[in-house]
Amino acid sequence: MKIRFFRNQSGSAAVEFGLVAPILVTVLVGIGTYGLEIITYSKMREAVSAGAQYALTTSDTTSDISSVVSAAWDDKPAGATVSVTQQCVCAGVTNDCSTACADGDYPQKMTTITASQSYSELGGNTKTLTATQQVRTR
């Protein structure tokens, strides 16, 4: 009686698939998880950019800018926040917006727009995604 163990290849494809499948599933889940995170961050970033563009061209009130960011944010989560701050700067030092700088120039008005949201990954981890953009509006 001869043993033909090494010559018999029936079932080898199933064994190979069983070895490769867990690695393949792990890679696909990772791509899906981080792909969704990138899409979520991209939508938030686009909304912040829309607010910055609005601040540059139309309005300088923080409530208007915040409303534009919220409206431009596709699929904005319920717990997401948008904050808009404005400050005037003279030679790198914060200054009152209504008074001239020491050198007689007008102060530069800087508008900072920040959006943030919690993001839950597939494994149950939660992280905060934040997008910030600062523009000179005067």
Protein backbone atom coordinates (compact mmCIF):
# COMPACT_ATOMS: atom_id res chain seq x y z
CA MET A 1 0.00 0.00 0.00
CA LYS A 2 1.49 3.27 -1.13
CA ILE A 3 0.74 6.55 0.60
CA ARG A 4 -0.24 9.20 -1.92
CA PHE A 5 -0.61 11.99 0.59
CA PHE A 6 1.63 14.46 -1.19
CA ARG A 7 0.18 13.76 -4.63
CA ASN A 8 -3.44 14.28 -3.64
CA GLN A 9 -4.26 17.96 -4.14
CA SER A 10 -7.99 17.90 -3.64
CA GLY A 11 -9.02 20.54 -1.16
CA SER A 12 -5.79 22.54 -1.47
CA ALA A 13 -7.64 25.60 -2.78
CA ALA A 14 -9.92 25.57 0.26
CA VAL A 15 -6.93 25.37 2.60
CA GLU A 16 -5.17 28.22 0.79
CA PHE A 17 -8.32 30.31 0.94
CA GLY A 18 -8.64 29.58 4.64
CA LEU A 19 -5.13 30.90 5.20
CA VAL A 20 -5.54 34.04 3.08
CA ALA A 21 -9.17 34.97 3.93
CA PRO A 22 -8.53 36.43 7.43
CA ILE A 23 -5.78 38.67 6.08
CA LEU A 24 -7.95 39.78 3.17
CA VAL A 25 -10.92 40.54 5.45
CA THR A 26 -8.68 42.55 7.81
CA VAL A 27 -7.32 44.64 4.94
CA LEU A 28 -10.80 45.28 3.51
CA VAL A 29 -12.22 46.31 6.90
CA GLY A 30 -9.26 48.67 7.44
CA ILE A 31 -9.75 50.25 4.03
CA GLY A 32 -13.46 50.70 4.70
CA THR A 33 -12.94 52.17 8.16
CA TYR A 34 -10.28 54.68 7.20
CA GLY A 35 -11.99 55.45 3.90
CA LEU A 36 -15.14 56.51 5.75
CA GLU A 37 -13.05 58.59 8.14
CA ILE A 38 -11.36 60.38 5.24
CA ILE A 39 -14.73 61.08 3.59
CA THR A 40 -16.14 62.41 6.88
CA TYR A 41 -13.12 64.67 7.43
CA SER A 42 -13.25 65.86 3.82
CA LYS A 43 -16.89 66.96 4.15
CA MET A 44 -16.06 68.86 7.33
CA ARG A 45 -12.99 70.47 5.73
CA GLU A 46 -15.01 71.57 2.68
CA ALA A 47 -17.55 73.26 4.96
CA VAL A 48 -14.80 75.14 6.81
CA SER A 49 -13.35 76.25 3.48
CA ALA A 50 -16.79 77.49 2.39
CA GLY A 51 -17.01 79.53 5.58
CA ALA A 52 -13.54 80.98 4.99
CA GLN A 53 -14.47 81.94 1.43
CA TYR A 54 -17.65 83.58 2.71
CA ALA A 55 -15.68 85.50 5.35
CA LEU A 56 -13.32 86.79 2.67
CA THR A 57 -15.97 87.90 0.21
CA THR A 58 -19.23 88.70 1.94
CA SER A 59 -19.52 89.03 5.69
CA ASP A 60 -17.41 89.37 8.77
CA THR A 61 -19.99 88.55 11.45
CA THR A 62 -19.23 85.34 13.30
CA SER A 63 -22.85 84.18 13.33
CA ASP A 64 -23.18 84.50 9.54
CA ILE A 65 -19.94 82.62 8.96
CA SER A 66 -20.97 79.87 11.39
CA SER A 67 -24.33 79.52 9.59
CA VAL A 68 -22.58 79.18 6.23
CA VAL A 69 -20.28 76.45 7.58
CA SER A 70 -23.24 74.55 9.06
CA ALA A 71 -25.21 74.83 5.82
CA ALA A 72 -22.28 73.71 3.67
CA TRP A 73 -21.49 70.69 5.85
CA ASP A 74 -23.00 67.63 4.13
CA ASP A 75 -24.31 65.04 6.60
CA LYS A 76 -23.37 67.17 9.62
CA PRO A 77 -23.64 65.02 12.76
CA ALA A 78 -25.88 66.19 15.60
CA GLY A 79 -22.97 66.66 18.05
CA ALA A 80 -20.71 68.55 15.66
CA THR A 81 -19.58 72.04 16.60
CA VAL A 82 -18.56 75.11 14.62
CA SER A 83 -16.76 78.03 16.23
CA VAL A 84 -15.72 81.29 14.62
CA THR A 85 -13.41 83.73 16.38
CA GLN A 86 -12.09 87.06 15.22
CA GLN A 87 -9.21 89.10 16.54
CA CYS A 88 -7.19 92.05 15.36
CA VAL A 89 -3.42 91.93 15.24
CA CYS A 90 -0.74 94.62 15.03
CA ALA A 91 2.75 93.28 14.27
CA GLY A 92 1.84 89.90 15.74
CA VAL A 93 0.30 91.32 18.93
CA THR A 94 -3.44 91.23 19.64
CA ASN A 95 -4.92 94.71 19.40
CA ASP A 96 -8.32 96.39 19.66
CA CYS A 97 -9.99 96.41 16.24
CA SER A 98 -11.22 100.00 16.57
CA THR A 99 -7.83 101.61 17.27
CA ALA A 100 -4.90 102.05 14.94
CA CYS A 101 -1.63 100.23 15.47
CA ALA A 102 1.37 101.97 17.01
CA ASP A 103 2.84 102.52 13.53
CA GLY A 104 -0.42 104.14 12.33
CA ASP A 105 -1.57 101.21 10.18
CA TYR A 106 -4.92 99.52 10.53
CA PRO A 107 -4.85 96.27 12.50
CA GLN A 108 -5.13 93.02 10.56
CA LYS A 109 -8.40 91.27 11.31
CA MET A 110 -7.96 87.50 11.51
CA THR A 111 -10.93 85.13 11.38
CA THR A 112 -10.42 81.57 12.61
CA ILE A 113 -13.00 78.93 11.75
CA THR A 114 -12.92 75.61 13.58
CA ALA A 115 -15.21 72.62 13.12
CA SER A 116 -15.04 69.42 15.14
CA GLN A 117 -16.96 66.22 15.55
CA SER A 118 -16.68 62.86 17.26
CA TYR A 119 -16.03 59.93 14.95
CA SER A 120 -16.65 56.32 15.99
CA GLU A 121 -14.42 53.77 14.33
CA LEU A 122 -15.57 50.26 13.55
CA GLY A 123 -13.78 48.77 16.57
CA GLY A 124 -15.62 51.07 18.97
CA ASN A 125 -12.83 53.64 19.36
CA THR A 126 -13.97 57.24 19.32
CA LYS A 127 -11.80 60.11 18.16
CA THR A 128 -12.32 63.79 17.55
CA LEU A 129 -11.86 65.12 14.03
CA THR A 130 -11.03 68.83 13.81
CA ALA A 131 -10.61 71.17 10.84
CA THR A 132 -9.35 74.73 11.28
CA GLN A 133 -8.75 77.53 8.82
CA GLN A 134 -7.59 81.07 9.48
CA VAL A 135 -8.07 83.92 7.01
CA ARG A 136 -7.19 87.58 7.04
CA THR A 137 -10.40 89.49 6.47
CA ARG A 138 -9.01 93.01 6.77
